[in-house]
Amino acid sequence: MKTKAIFYHAGCPVCVAAEQNVANALDAGRFNLEIVHLGTEKSRVAEAEGSGVKSVPALVLHGVAYHINFGAGIEALK
């Protein structure tokens, strides 16, 4: 069974570069990667916050948020 991974971002250049790196780094055979653009999917901001996301880009894996660089604070996406 694949592990679910969610990558949250806001579409900025830092986020897009991180998205490409994460997508290339995760083994597609082991991980089911979902990409969520919070700039266009505002309804999922609360979900991201509930997963511990404080800024984007961030990867949530095994229920833990990993912050990758700093593109935008979660408050700016509300």
Protein backbone atom coordinates (compact mmCIF):
# COMPACT_ATOMS: atom_id res chain seq x y z
CA MET A 1 0.00 0.00 0.00
CA LYS A 2 1.31 3.44 -0.94
CA THR A 3 1.88 6.14 1.66
CA LYS A 4 -0.09 9.32 1.09
CA ALA A 5 1.97 12.50 0.76
CA ILE A 6 0.48 15.95 0.29
CA PHE A 7 2.50 18.85 -1.07
CA TYR A 8 0.93 22.25 -0.34
CA HIS A 9 2.04 25.34 -2.21
CA ALA A 10 0.89 28.76 -3.39
CA GLY A 11 2.22 28.85 -6.94
CA CYS A 12 5.16 31.19 -6.31
CA PRO A 13 8.51 30.43 -8.01
CA VAL A 14 9.94 28.95 -4.78
CA CYS A 15 6.90 26.66 -4.48
CA VAL A 16 6.98 25.54 -8.10
CA ALA A 17 10.68 24.65 -7.88
CA ALA A 18 10.08 22.75 -4.64
CA GLU A 19 7.10 20.93 -6.20
CA GLN A 20 9.26 19.69 -9.06
CA ASN A 21 12.02 18.56 -6.70
CA VAL A 22 9.61 16.76 -4.36
CA ALA A 23 7.79 15.05 -7.24
CA ASN A 24 11.11 13.84 -8.65
CA ALA A 25 12.48 12.74 -5.27
CA LEU A 26 9.54 10.68 -4.01
CA ASP A 27 9.39 7.11 -5.23
CA ALA A 28 6.08 6.86 -7.10
CA GLY A 29 5.97 3.16 -6.24
CA ARG A 30 5.92 3.95 -2.52
CA PHE A 31 4.12 7.29 -2.33
CA ASN A 32 0.82 8.62 -3.61
CA LEU A 33 1.65 12.32 -4.00
CA GLU A 34 -1.15 14.86 -4.07
CA ILE A 35 -0.28 18.42 -5.07
CA VAL A 36 -2.50 21.14 -3.57
CA HIS A 37 -2.23 24.72 -4.84
CA LEU A 38 -3.63 26.72 -1.93
CA GLY A 39 -3.81 29.86 -4.04
CA THR A 40 -6.52 28.26 -6.16
CA GLU A 41 -7.90 25.78 -3.59
CA LYS A 42 -8.55 28.14 -0.67
CA SER A 43 -11.09 25.69 0.77
CA ARG A 44 -8.14 23.46 1.74
CA VAL A 45 -6.20 26.05 3.77
CA ALA A 46 -7.83 24.86 7.03
CA GLU A 47 -6.88 21.27 6.16
CA ALA A 48 -3.27 22.34 5.64
CA GLU A 49 -3.25 24.22 8.95
CA GLY A 50 -4.74 21.18 10.69
CA SER A 51 -1.84 19.13 9.33
CA GLY A 52 0.64 21.55 10.90
CA VAL A 53 1.48 23.61 7.82
CA LYS A 54 2.65 27.08 8.87
CA SER A 55 4.10 28.20 5.54
CA VAL A 56 4.34 26.95 2.00
CA PRO A 57 5.84 25.10 0.30
CA ALA A 58 5.34 22.22 2.70
CA LEU A 59 5.13 18.44 2.43
CA VAL A 60 2.92 16.46 4.79
CA LEU A 61 4.14 12.91 5.15
CA HIS A 62 3.03 10.41 7.80
CA GLY A 63 1.01 13.22 9.42
CA VAL A 64 4.05 15.47 9.89
CA ALA A 65 4.50 18.79 8.08
CA TYR A 66 7.93 19.44 6.60
CA HIS A 67 8.50 23.05 5.64
CA ILE A 68 10.63 23.54 2.55
CA ASN A 69 12.08 27.04 2.36
CA PHE A 70 9.63 29.93 2.86
CA GLY A 71 7.38 31.11 0.08
CA ALA A 72 4.36 32.44 2.02
CA GLY A 73 2.92 32.17 5.50
CA ILE A 74 -0.34 30.26 5.79
CA GLU A 75 -2.08 33.43 7.04
CA ALA A 76 -1.41 35.13 3.70
CA LEU A 77 -3.38 32.40 1.92
CA LYS A 78 -6.61 32.89 3.83
